[in-house]
Protein backbone atom coordinates (compact mmCIF):
# COMPACT_ATOMS: atom_id res chain seq x y z
CA UNK A 1 -54.68 -18.67 1.63
CA UNK A 2 -55.72 -22.14 0.48
CA UNK A 3 -54.99 -25.51 2.07
CA UNK A 4 -55.01 -28.50 -0.26
CA UNK A 5 -55.89 -31.46 1.95
CA UNK A 6 -55.37 -35.09 0.92
CA UNK A 7 -56.96 -37.65 3.26
CA UNK A 8 -55.96 -41.27 2.69
CA UNK A 9 -57.04 -44.56 4.24
CA UNK A 10 -54.16 -47.04 4.14
CA UNK A 11 -54.56 -50.82 4.24
CA UNK A 12 -52.83 -52.07 7.39
CA UNK A 13 -50.74 -54.58 5.40
CA UNK A 14 -48.85 -51.78 3.61
CA UNK A 15 -49.04 -49.10 6.30
CA UNK A 16 -45.31 -49.01 7.15
CA UNK A 17 -44.30 -49.05 3.48
CA UNK A 18 -46.77 -46.25 2.65
CA UNK A 19 -45.57 -44.10 5.56
CA UNK A 20 -41.97 -44.38 4.34
CA UNK A 21 -43.09 -43.59 0.78
CA UNK A 22 -45.24 -40.57 1.70
CA UNK A 23 -42.37 -39.00 3.64
CA UNK A 24 -40.42 -39.04 0.36
CA UNK A 25 -43.44 -38.02 -1.74
CA UNK A 26 -44.32 -34.87 0.23
CA UNK A 27 -40.99 -33.16 -0.59
CA UNK A 28 -41.65 -33.93 -4.28
CA UNK A 29 -44.99 -32.13 -4.06
CA UNK A 30 -43.35 -29.17 -2.31
CA UNK A 31 -40.63 -29.11 -4.99
CA UNK A 32 -43.28 -28.16 -7.57
CA UNK A 33 -43.04 -24.65 -6.11
CA UNK A 34 -46.79 -24.24 -5.61
CA UNK A 35 -46.87 -24.77 -1.84
CA UNK A 36 -45.13 -23.16 1.13
CA UNK A 37 -45.39 -26.03 3.62
CA UNK A 38 -47.00 -29.37 4.37
CA UNK A 39 -48.18 -31.18 7.48
CA UNK A 40 -48.58 -34.94 7.75
CA UNK A 41 -51.11 -35.96 10.40
CA UNK A 42 -52.76 -39.18 11.52
CA UNK A 43 -56.54 -39.07 11.82
CA UNK A 44 -57.44 -40.20 15.34
CA UNK A 45 -60.67 -41.96 14.47
CA UNK A 46 -61.06 -45.72 14.34
CA UNK A 47 -62.21 -46.61 10.84
CA UNK A 48 -65.19 -48.98 10.59
CA UNK A 49 -63.63 -50.54 7.49
CA UNK A 50 -60.19 -50.84 9.09
CA UNK A 51 -56.90 -49.40 7.96
CA UNK A 52 -55.21 -46.25 9.13
CA UNK A 53 -56.11 -42.78 7.96
CA UNK A 54 -53.75 -39.86 7.39
CA UNK A 55 -54.19 -36.29 6.23
CA UNK A 56 -51.59 -34.23 4.41
CA UNK A 57 -52.25 -30.51 4.39
CA UNK A 58 -50.36 -28.52 1.78
CA UNK A 59 -50.48 -24.74 2.13
CA UNK A 60 -50.79 -23.24 -1.35
CA UNK A 61 -49.11 -19.95 -2.16
CA UNK A 62 -52.36 -18.76 -3.79
CA UNK A 63 -55.45 -19.98 -5.63
CA UNK A 64 -53.51 -19.55 -8.86
CA UNK A 65 -50.65 -21.68 -7.50
CA UNK A 66 -53.05 -24.49 -6.62
CA UNK A 67 -54.65 -24.30 -10.06
CA UNK A 68 -51.18 -24.47 -11.65
CA UNK A 69 -50.41 -27.54 -9.52
CA UNK A 70 -53.59 -29.22 -10.77
CA UNK A 71 -52.75 -28.36 -14.37
CA UNK A 72 -49.04 -29.22 -14.37
CA UNK A 73 -48.26 -31.70 -11.59
CA UNK A 74 -51.18 -33.34 -9.82
CA UNK A 75 -51.93 -36.16 -12.25
CA UNK A 76 -48.32 -37.32 -12.53
CA UNK A 77 -47.87 -37.36 -8.75
CA UNK A 78 -51.20 -39.13 -8.19
CA UNK A 79 -50.21 -41.82 -10.69
CA UNK A 80 -47.08 -42.54 -8.64
CA UNK A 81 -49.26 -43.47 -5.66
CA UNK A 82 -51.52 -45.64 -7.80
CA UNK A 83 -48.49 -47.37 -9.34
CA UNK A 84 -47.04 -48.17 -5.91
CA UNK A 85 -50.17 -49.08 -3.96
CA UNK A 86 -53.15 -49.53 -6.28
CA UNK A 87 -56.42 -49.82 -4.40
CA UNK A 88 -54.72 -50.42 -1.04
CA UNK A 89 -54.80 -46.66 -0.55
CA UNK A 90 -58.06 -44.76 -0.91
CA UNK A 91 -57.75 -40.98 -1.04
CA UNK A 92 -59.97 -37.97 -1.32
CA UNK A 93 -59.02 -34.33 -1.66
CA UNK A 94 -60.53 -31.15 -0.29
CA UNK A 95 -59.69 -27.48 -0.55
CA UNK A 96 -59.88 -25.30 2.55
CA UNK A 97 -59.80 -21.53 2.60
CA UNK A 98 -58.06 -20.02 5.61
CA UNK A 99 -60.23 -17.22 6.92
CA UNK A 100 -58.11 -16.25 9.91
CA UNK A 101 -55.36 -17.69 12.10
CA UNK A 102 -54.84 -17.33 15.82
CA UNK A 103 -51.83 -17.97 18.05
CA UNK A 104 -51.37 -18.03 21.79
CA UNK A 105 -49.22 -15.03 22.75
CA UNK A 106 -48.03 -14.80 19.17
CA UNK A 107 -46.26 -18.17 19.38
CA UNK A 108 -46.91 -21.13 17.09
CA UNK A 109 -47.88 -24.21 19.13
């Protein structure tokens, strides 16, 4: 299983607007059909350069699904963010391979 992680540093002047926008954007990414779920998290580290940092973790259905997302959807969806926020949002992307998962007493926490 692959996690497609997008980490973004948001200028404080547009933080509230971006947070509203991203909560509408994530369902659009999921609607591509290449992911099974997404988690929006705030990074709990004070940034030296200021701003607020968030991470969105999309769980890809497979490596092939992620590659299809890159080929068919990623650029269009990235351009939406650039159109709305320009350089007030700086993002980088990473891919994570899930090796194993553990739960306490079989319950998700």
